[in-house]
Amino acid sequence: MEKKVKALLDTITFLVFLFFDFVDVVLCVAYELLDELFEAKPIPCYCGKKLETKELSETLFWRKNVFREMGFLSFGRKTCEAVKKRDDGNRGEVVNRWSDCGCDSCVSWMKKSNQKLHVVVKEFPQVNSEDGPREEATTENVIFLHGFLSSSSYWTRSVFKYLSEPLNHQIYRYFAVDLLGFGKSPKPNDCLYTLNDHVEMIHKSVISAYELSSFHLVAHSMGCNIALALAAKYPKFVKSVTLVAPPYFSDSNDETSSSMALNTVARKTLWPPLAFGKSVMTWELNFMVVDLTRHTHHSAWHSMHNVICGGSKFMDDYVGILINAKVKVWVIHGDQDLTVPLDCSNNLKMKFPQLKLIIVQNFDHGTVIFHRKRDFVKSLQHIWATS
């Protein structure tokens, strides 16, 4: 009976995703025609030849599609070279995509030349003693990075209210960032949302803007990949890195690590329902449902591929840089996490024994923070104090 049910589910799964493959190639052509009609400047899709750049994930180009492999509707494909030859009148003009939302958040990147991320800052005032200001107090900075399809509210609406000024003569400043393309941050349509794009915007909007000479990093899910890339670029600035449910899929082969990430977080499956949703577009649920709409398809799609999937091939190098620089790296993971399996953190710990791994029993991808906010904050304060 069990085998029959599995065979039936496999058949239904094949037929459903066969339909999605067909829709994929049809939309590929439709979007090019609509781009031509509304923009006179079609953006090349990823059906053609892979671009020779390490920053773009291999998963953008080779996710299997039955109809595309058969050559069906191949007349709709256009390579980058063909687009570059197009003589259109909008080449120097900055415009919003017809397919993107027209809200202030989505079009803000068009209005300002010096774009920066939206950052929420929480800091505690200098505490005075009976003898006057506590001059010997030092300032510690902490940057919080959210996960996929989320925003700074992931932190500000959960753990920020439990953060208080620790003792030991230290004043803490907390920075919750809306990553590029998410929340209230800019969502440019000419950006590919690579790891480097995210890192550069964080440097510009936080490290440089607030003149940080040192900082701690706290990141969740997709934000972990960005946190490691940022820390590896500025290892002398970083005092500690805390990764919550990091999507670690490293492998000796670059393309293999990317495919492992894609097949884990967005494999083609109908059951359970959450896995089906991720197979269409990787997403995660949290109490701020509004965050699910505060991005563009362009920003979410490219961040998922270029940060979560493509970024996995750089993780070993990044962690190695931090270990050599003697930066403390902590990993926190719920043992019931189905979005990013616990194996990710266990494999990371096996490869880098110097890391500190905290496995939280009976909690999943979101509840590891949301259902234990006080304990989570205590863990963070312990990490900062010992780093």
Protein backbone atom coordinates (compact mmCIF):
# COMPACT_ATOMS: atom_id res chain seq x y z
CA MET A 1 0.00 0.00 0.00
CA GLU A 2 2.80 2.39 0.94
CA LYS A 3 4.56 1.74 -2.38
CA LYS A 4 1.36 2.45 -4.32
CA VAL A 5 0.84 5.74 -2.48
CA LYS A 6 4.44 6.75 -3.18
CA ALA A 7 4.11 5.81 -6.85
CA LEU A 8 0.89 7.82 -7.13
CA LEU A 9 2.50 10.85 -5.45
CA ASP A 10 5.57 10.57 -7.72
CA THR A 11 3.32 10.48 -10.80
CA ILE A 12 1.30 13.50 -9.68
CA THR A 13 4.51 15.35 -8.82
CA PHE A 14 5.94 14.64 -12.29
CA LEU A 15 2.78 15.88 -14.02
CA VAL A 16 2.52 19.04 -11.89
CA PHE A 17 6.14 20.04 -12.47
CA LEU A 18 5.87 19.10 -16.14
CA PHE A 19 3.14 21.73 -16.32
CA PHE A 20 5.37 24.21 -14.46
CA ASP A 21 8.19 23.50 -16.95
CA PHE A 22 5.82 24.36 -19.79
CA VAL A 23 4.68 27.56 -18.05
CA ASP A 24 8.34 28.45 -17.48
CA VAL A 25 9.28 28.39 -21.17
CA VAL A 26 6.05 30.15 -22.18
CA LEU A 27 6.63 32.95 -19.68
CA CYS A 28 10.22 33.20 -20.87
CA VAL A 29 8.93 34.14 -24.32
CA ALA A 30 6.01 36.21 -23.01
CA TYR A 31 8.24 38.36 -20.81
CA GLU A 32 10.60 39.07 -23.70
CA LEU A 33 7.67 40.17 -25.87
CA LEU A 34 6.22 42.32 -23.07
CA ASP A 35 9.64 43.81 -22.35
CA GLU A 36 9.90 44.67 -26.02
CA LEU A 37 6.42 46.19 -26.02
CA PHE A 38 6.62 48.22 -22.80
CA GLU A 39 10.35 48.84 -22.38
CA ALA A 40 11.97 48.37 -25.81
CA LYS A 41 14.75 46.85 -23.74
CA PRO A 42 14.27 43.14 -22.96
CA ILE A 43 16.37 41.65 -20.18
CA PRO A 44 18.03 38.39 -21.28
CA CYS A 45 16.84 35.29 -19.51
CA TYR A 46 19.05 32.46 -18.28
CA CYS A 47 18.01 29.93 -20.92
CA GLY A 48 21.05 30.62 -23.05
CA LYS A 49 24.77 30.33 -22.56
CA LYS A 50 26.11 30.62 -19.03
CA LEU A 51 27.88 33.88 -18.31
CA GLU A 52 31.50 33.43 -17.36
CA THR A 53 31.48 34.97 -13.90
CA LYS A 54 31.87 33.39 -10.48
CA GLU A 55 29.42 35.78 -8.91
CA LEU A 56 26.42 34.27 -10.70
CA SER A 57 25.17 30.91 -9.49
CA GLU A 58 25.25 27.95 -11.83
CA THR A 59 21.70 27.17 -10.70
CA LEU A 60 20.40 30.16 -12.65
CA PHE A 61 21.34 28.41 -15.89
CA TRP A 62 20.92 24.68 -15.55
CA ARG A 63 17.84 23.86 -13.51
CA LYS A 64 16.30 21.10 -15.63
CA ASN A 65 13.30 21.87 -17.80
CA VAL A 66 11.93 19.09 -19.98
CA PHE A 67 10.67 21.38 -22.75
CA ARG A 68 13.79 23.53 -22.83
CA GLU A 69 16.01 20.46 -23.11
CA MET A 70 13.87 19.32 -26.06
CA GLY A 71 14.47 22.68 -27.74
CA PHE A 72 10.78 23.54 -27.49
CA LEU A 73 10.11 27.27 -27.91
CA SER A 74 13.84 27.84 -28.43
CA PHE A 75 12.96 30.68 -30.77
CA GLY A 76 12.16 32.72 -27.66
CA ARG A 77 15.68 32.56 -26.31
CA LYS A 78 17.91 35.60 -26.61
CA THR A 79 21.48 35.73 -25.46
CA CYS A 80 23.18 38.72 -23.89
CA GLU A 81 25.10 39.36 -27.10
CA ALA A 82 21.88 39.76 -29.07
CA VAL A 83 20.49 42.20 -26.55
CA LYS A 84 23.67 44.27 -26.55
CA LYS A 85 23.32 44.74 -30.32
CA ARG A 86 19.80 46.11 -29.96
CA ASP A 87 19.53 49.76 -30.89
CA ASP A 88 16.96 51.19 -28.50
CA GLY A 89 16.35 54.72 -27.32
CA ASN A 90 16.22 53.92 -23.61
CA ARG A 91 19.79 52.72 -23.21
CA GLY A 92 20.86 55.57 -20.95
CA GLU A 93 17.51 56.02 -19.23
CA VAL A 94 16.81 54.56 -15.79
CA VAL A 95 13.28 53.11 -15.62
CA ASN A 96 11.30 50.86 -13.36
CA ARG A 97 10.31 47.49 -14.76
CA TRP A 98 6.71 47.16 -15.98
CA SER A 99 6.51 43.90 -14.02
CA ASP A 100 7.60 45.43 -10.70
CA CYS A 101 5.46 47.05 -8.06
CA GLY A 102 5.21 50.85 -8.30
CA CYS A 103 5.21 51.52 -4.54
CA ASP A 104 7.65 53.99 -2.98
CA SER A 105 9.82 51.18 -1.66
CA CYS A 106 10.24 49.56 -5.08
CA VAL A 107 10.92 52.75 -7.04
CA SER A 108 13.00 54.60 -4.42
CA TRP A 109 16.21 53.54 -6.17
CA MET A 110 15.21 55.70 -9.16
CA LYS A 111 14.86 58.89 -7.12
CA LYS A 112 18.21 59.10 -5.37
CA SER A 113 21.70 58.83 -6.79
CA ASN A 114 23.34 57.87 -3.49
CA GLN A 115 21.33 54.85 -2.44
CA LYS A 116 21.70 53.26 0.99
CA LEU A 117 20.03 50.41 2.80
CA HIS A 118 17.28 51.00 5.32
CA VAL A 119 18.83 50.52 8.77
CA VAL A 120 17.11 50.50 12.18
CA VAL A 121 19.47 51.60 14.94
CA LYS A 122 18.95 50.99 18.65
CA GLU A 123 21.45 52.31 21.13
CA PHE A 124 21.42 52.95 24.85
CA PRO A 125 22.42 56.34 26.25
CA GLN A 126 25.55 56.85 28.29
CA VAL A 127 24.82 55.81 31.88
CA ASN A 128 25.97 58.27 34.51
CA SER A 129 27.19 57.37 37.94
CA GLU A 130 27.11 59.50 41.09
CA ASP A 131 30.52 60.87 40.17
CA GLY A 132 29.49 61.90 36.64
CA PRO A 133 29.60 60.27 33.18
CA ARG A 134 31.03 56.80 32.95
CA GLU A 135 33.92 57.77 30.69
CA GLU A 136 35.59 54.37 30.75
CA ALA A 137 32.63 52.70 28.98
CA THR A 138 33.33 51.29 25.54
CA THR A 139 30.90 50.93 22.64
CA GLU A 140 30.20 47.56 21.06
CA ASN A 141 28.41 47.44 17.69
CA VAL A 142 26.21 44.57 16.53
CA ILE A 143 24.88 44.16 12.95
CA PHE A 144 21.80 41.95 12.47
CA LEU A 145 21.11 40.40 9.04
CA HIS A 146 17.76 38.78 8.25
CA GLY A 147 16.97 35.79 6.04
CA PHE A 148 15.16 35.24 2.76
CA LEU A 149 11.97 37.25 2.04
CA SER A 150 12.28 38.95 5.42
CA SER A 151 13.45 42.35 6.68
CA SER A 152 14.86 44.17 9.69
CA SER A 153 11.51 43.60 11.41
CA TYR A 154 12.62 39.99 11.88
CA TRP A 155 14.87 41.36 14.64
CA THR A 156 13.20 44.61 15.72
CA ARG A 157 9.83 42.94 16.36
CA SER A 158 11.32 40.00 18.20
CA VAL A 159 14.66 40.16 20.02
CA PHE A 160 15.30 43.92 20.10
CA LYS A 161 12.91 44.53 22.97
CA TYR A 162 14.79 42.00 25.08
CA LEU A 163 18.15 43.64 24.48
CA SER A 164 19.28 45.81 27.35
CA GLU A 165 22.58 47.42 28.15
CA PRO A 166 24.90 44.69 29.45
CA LEU A 167 27.20 45.27 32.35
CA ASN A 168 31.01 45.27 32.28
CA HIS A 169 31.24 48.93 31.26
CA GLN A 170 30.05 48.38 27.70
CA ILE A 171 27.45 50.26 25.68
CA TYR A 172 25.89 48.38 22.78
CA ARG A 173 24.58 49.77 19.51
CA TYR A 174 22.37 47.49 17.44
CA PHE A 175 21.92 47.79 13.66
CA ALA A 176 19.09 45.83 11.99
CA VAL A 177 19.51 45.98 8.21
CA ASP A 178 17.00 45.60 5.39
CA LEU A 179 19.13 43.74 2.87
CA LEU A 180 19.36 45.02 -0.68
CA GLY A 181 16.08 44.26 -2.47
CA PHE A 182 14.09 43.59 0.70
CA GLY A 183 12.03 45.57 3.21
CA LYS A 184 12.39 49.33 2.76
CA SER A 185 15.79 49.11 1.08
CA PRO A 186 16.36 49.93 -2.64
CA LYS A 187 15.38 47.30 -5.19
CA PRO A 188 17.30 48.22 -8.38
CA ASN A 189 16.38 46.22 -11.48
CA ASP A 190 19.89 46.50 -12.93
CA CYS A 191 21.40 44.59 -10.00
CA LEU A 192 22.06 40.83 -9.90
CA TYR A 193 22.03 40.69 -6.08
CA THR A 194 25.27 38.78 -5.73
CA LEU A 195 27.09 38.30 -2.44
CA ASN A 196 29.39 41.16 -3.35
CA ASP A 197 26.42 43.46 -4.07
CA HIS A 198 25.00 42.79 -0.61
CA VAL A 199 28.36 43.17 1.13
CA GLU A 200 29.17 46.45 -0.59
CA MET A 201 25.80 47.95 0.36
CA ILE A 202 26.19 46.91 4.01
CA HIS A 203 29.63 48.49 4.10
CA LYS A 204 28.33 51.67 2.52
CA SER A 205 25.16 51.90 4.63
CA VAL A 206 26.41 50.74 8.03
CA ILE A 207 30.17 50.26 8.46
CA SER A 208 31.19 53.39 6.58
CA ALA A 209 28.11 55.49 7.36
CA TYR A 210 28.42 54.96 11.12
CA GLU A 211 32.24 54.78 11.11
CA LEU A 212 32.40 51.35 12.74
CA SER A 213 35.89 50.19 13.61
CA SER A 214 34.66 46.90 15.06
CA PHE A 215 31.40 44.96 15.22
CA HIS A 216 29.70 41.66 15.98
CA LEU A 217 27.52 39.94 13.37
CA VAL A 218 24.26 38.07 13.97
CA ALA A 219 22.52 36.47 10.98
CA HIS A 220 19.66 34.10 10.22
CA SER A 221 19.28 31.70 7.29
CA MET A 222 20.26 33.38 3.98
CA GLY A 223 21.76 36.25 5.99
CA CYS A 224 24.39 33.80 7.27
CA ASN A 225 25.98 33.56 3.82
CA ILE A 226 26.12 37.35 3.58
CA ALA A 227 27.48 37.63 7.13
CA LEU A 228 30.33 35.23 6.35
CA ALA A 229 31.16 37.08 3.13
CA LEU A 230 31.15 40.40 4.99
CA ALA A 231 33.24 39.06 7.87
CA ALA A 232 35.76 37.45 5.51
CA LYS A 233 36.21 40.77 3.72
CA TYR A 234 36.76 42.70 6.97
CA PRO A 235 38.17 40.10 9.41
CA LYS A 236 40.06 42.72 11.42
CA PHE A 237 36.79 44.55 12.12
CA VAL A 238 34.79 41.51 13.26
CA LYS A 239 34.72 40.45 16.92
CA SER A 240 32.27 37.53 16.60
CA VAL A 241 29.90 35.93 14.11
CA THR A 242 26.67 34.21 15.21
CA LEU A 243 24.95 32.12 12.53
CA VAL A 244 21.40 30.90 13.11
CA ALA A 245 20.38 28.01 10.82
CA PRO A 246 23.09 28.61 8.18
CA PRO A 247 22.37 27.03 4.75
CA TYR A 248 25.76 25.33 4.45
CA PHE A 249 26.08 23.00 1.46
CA SER A 250 29.79 23.11 0.75
CA ASP A 251 31.45 20.55 -1.49
CA SER A 252 34.78 20.20 -3.22
CA ASN A 253 33.06 20.83 -6.55
CA ASP A 254 31.64 24.33 -7.00
CA GLU A 255 28.68 23.29 -9.14
CA THR A 256 27.91 20.38 -6.83
CA SER A 257 27.64 22.62 -3.79
CA SER A 258 25.27 24.96 -5.63
CA SER A 259 23.10 22.07 -6.82
CA MET A 260 23.02 20.58 -3.32
CA ALA A 261 21.73 23.89 -1.98
CA LEU A 262 19.04 24.17 -4.66
CA ASN A 263 17.90 20.57 -4.31
CA THR A 264 17.70 20.91 -0.53
CA VAL A 265 15.94 24.26 -0.16
CA ALA A 266 13.86 24.08 -3.36
CA ARG A 267 13.62 20.51 -4.57
CA LYS A 268 10.71 19.53 -6.83
CA THR A 269 8.16 18.01 -4.49
CA LEU A 270 4.46 18.37 -3.69
CA TRP A 271 4.54 17.19 -0.08
CA PRO A 272 4.75 18.57 2.55
CA PRO A 273 3.04 21.84 1.51
CA LEU A 274 5.88 24.06 2.75
CA ALA A 275 8.37 22.11 0.63
CA PHE A 276 6.10 22.56 -2.39
CA GLY A 277 6.06 26.32 -1.82
CA LYS A 278 9.84 26.43 -1.66
CA SER A 279 10.14 24.35 -4.82
CA VAL A 280 8.32 27.12 -6.70
CA MET A 281 10.13 29.96 -4.93
CA THR A 282 12.08 29.41 -1.76
CA TRP A 283 10.39 31.27 1.08
CA GLU A 284 10.15 31.21 4.85
CA LEU A 285 7.28 32.02 7.17
CA ASN A 286 7.47 34.42 10.09
CA PHE A 287 5.07 36.56 12.06
CA MET A 288 5.67 39.58 9.79
CA VAL A 289 3.70 38.26 6.81
CA VAL A 290 3.94 41.69 5.19
CA ASP A 291 7.65 41.04 4.56
CA LEU A 292 6.66 38.44 1.98
CA THR A 293 5.44 41.25 -0.29
CA ARG A 294 8.21 43.78 0.33
CA HIS A 295 10.55 42.71 -2.45
CA THR A 296 10.48 42.35 -6.21
CA HIS A 297 10.62 39.05 -8.07
CA HIS A 298 13.94 40.21 -9.52
CA SER A 299 15.54 40.83 -6.13
CA ALA A 300 14.16 37.71 -4.44
CA TRP A 301 14.92 35.35 -7.33
CA HIS A 302 18.51 36.51 -7.78
CA SER A 303 19.24 36.60 -4.05
CA MET A 304 17.94 33.05 -3.68
CA HIS A 305 20.16 31.77 -6.50
CA ASN A 306 23.25 33.97 -6.13
CA VAL A 307 23.38 34.08 -2.32
CA ILE A 308 21.87 30.84 -1.03
CA CYS A 309 22.81 28.49 -3.88
CA GLY A 310 25.78 30.14 -5.56
CA GLY A 311 27.13 31.52 -2.30
CA SER A 312 27.54 28.03 -0.87
CA LYS A 313 30.67 27.43 -2.96
CA PHE A 314 32.45 30.26 -1.13
CA MET A 315 31.54 29.29 2.43
CA ASP A 316 34.57 27.12 3.16
CA ASP A 317 36.93 29.88 2.08
CA TYR A 318 35.11 32.47 4.17
CA VAL A 319 35.07 30.34 7.32
CA GLY A 320 38.75 29.49 6.80
CA ILE A 321 39.64 33.19 6.67
CA LEU A 322 37.79 33.84 9.92
CA ILE A 323 39.40 30.92 11.72
CA ASN A 324 42.87 32.03 10.61
CA ALA A 325 42.03 35.53 11.87
CA LYS A 326 40.93 33.97 15.20
CA VAL A 327 37.39 35.32 14.89
CA LYS A 328 34.91 33.44 17.10
CA VAL A 329 32.15 31.82 15.03
CA TRP A 330 29.06 30.44 16.78
CA VAL A 331 26.29 28.40 15.15
CA ILE A 332 22.78 28.00 16.59
CA HIS A 333 20.38 25.50 15.01
CA GLY A 334 17.04 23.94 15.94
CA ASP A 335 16.95 20.16 15.66
CA GLN A 336 13.44 20.27 14.11
CA ASP A 337 14.42 22.60 11.26
CA LEU A 338 12.95 21.34 7.97
CA THR A 339 13.79 24.48 5.95
CA VAL A 340 17.54 24.26 6.54
CA PRO A 341 18.29 20.77 7.91
CA LEU A 342 20.42 20.36 11.03
CA ASP A 343 22.88 18.41 8.87
CA CYS A 344 24.02 21.76 7.46
CA SER A 345 25.39 22.89 10.83
CA ASN A 346 26.65 19.43 11.76
CA ASN A 347 28.64 19.25 8.51
CA LEU A 348 29.98 22.75 9.12
CA LYS A 349 31.11 21.73 12.60
CA MET A 350 32.72 18.53 11.29
CA LYS A 351 34.71 20.46 8.71
CA PHE A 352 35.65 23.26 11.11
CA PRO A 353 35.87 21.85 14.68
CA GLN A 354 36.91 25.28 15.98
CA LEU A 355 33.34 26.52 15.56
CA LYS A 356 30.97 26.52 18.54
CA LEU A 357 27.72 24.69 17.76
CA ILE A 358 24.58 25.04 19.89
CA ILE A 359 21.79 22.59 18.99
CA VAL A 360 18.43 23.67 20.40
CA GLN A 361 16.08 20.78 21.01
CA ASN A 362 12.46 20.79 19.76
CA PHE A 363 12.67 24.06 17.77
CA ASP A 364 12.60 24.71 14.04
CA HIS A 365 13.77 27.35 11.54
CA GLY A 366 11.74 30.22 12.99
CA THR A 367 10.86 29.13 16.51
CA VAL A 368 14.54 28.73 17.40
CA ILE A 369 14.36 32.53 17.79
CA PHE A 370 10.69 33.52 18.07
CA HIS A 371 9.63 31.02 20.75
CA ARG A 372 12.71 31.52 22.92
CA LYS A 373 13.55 35.20 22.57
CA ARG A 374 14.90 35.69 26.09
CA ASP A 375 17.11 32.61 25.92
CA PHE A 376 18.32 33.62 22.48
CA VAL A 377 19.29 37.09 23.72
CA LYS A 378 21.11 35.55 26.70
CA SER A 379 23.08 33.37 24.30
CA LEU A 380 24.01 36.41 22.21
CA GLN A 381 25.14 38.40 25.24
CA HIS A 382 27.26 35.48 26.38
CA ILE A 383 28.86 35.22 22.93
CA TRP A 384 29.62 38.96 22.82
CA ALA A 385 31.03 38.97 26.35
CA THR A 386 33.36 36.04 25.66
CA SER A 387 34.55 37.42 22.33
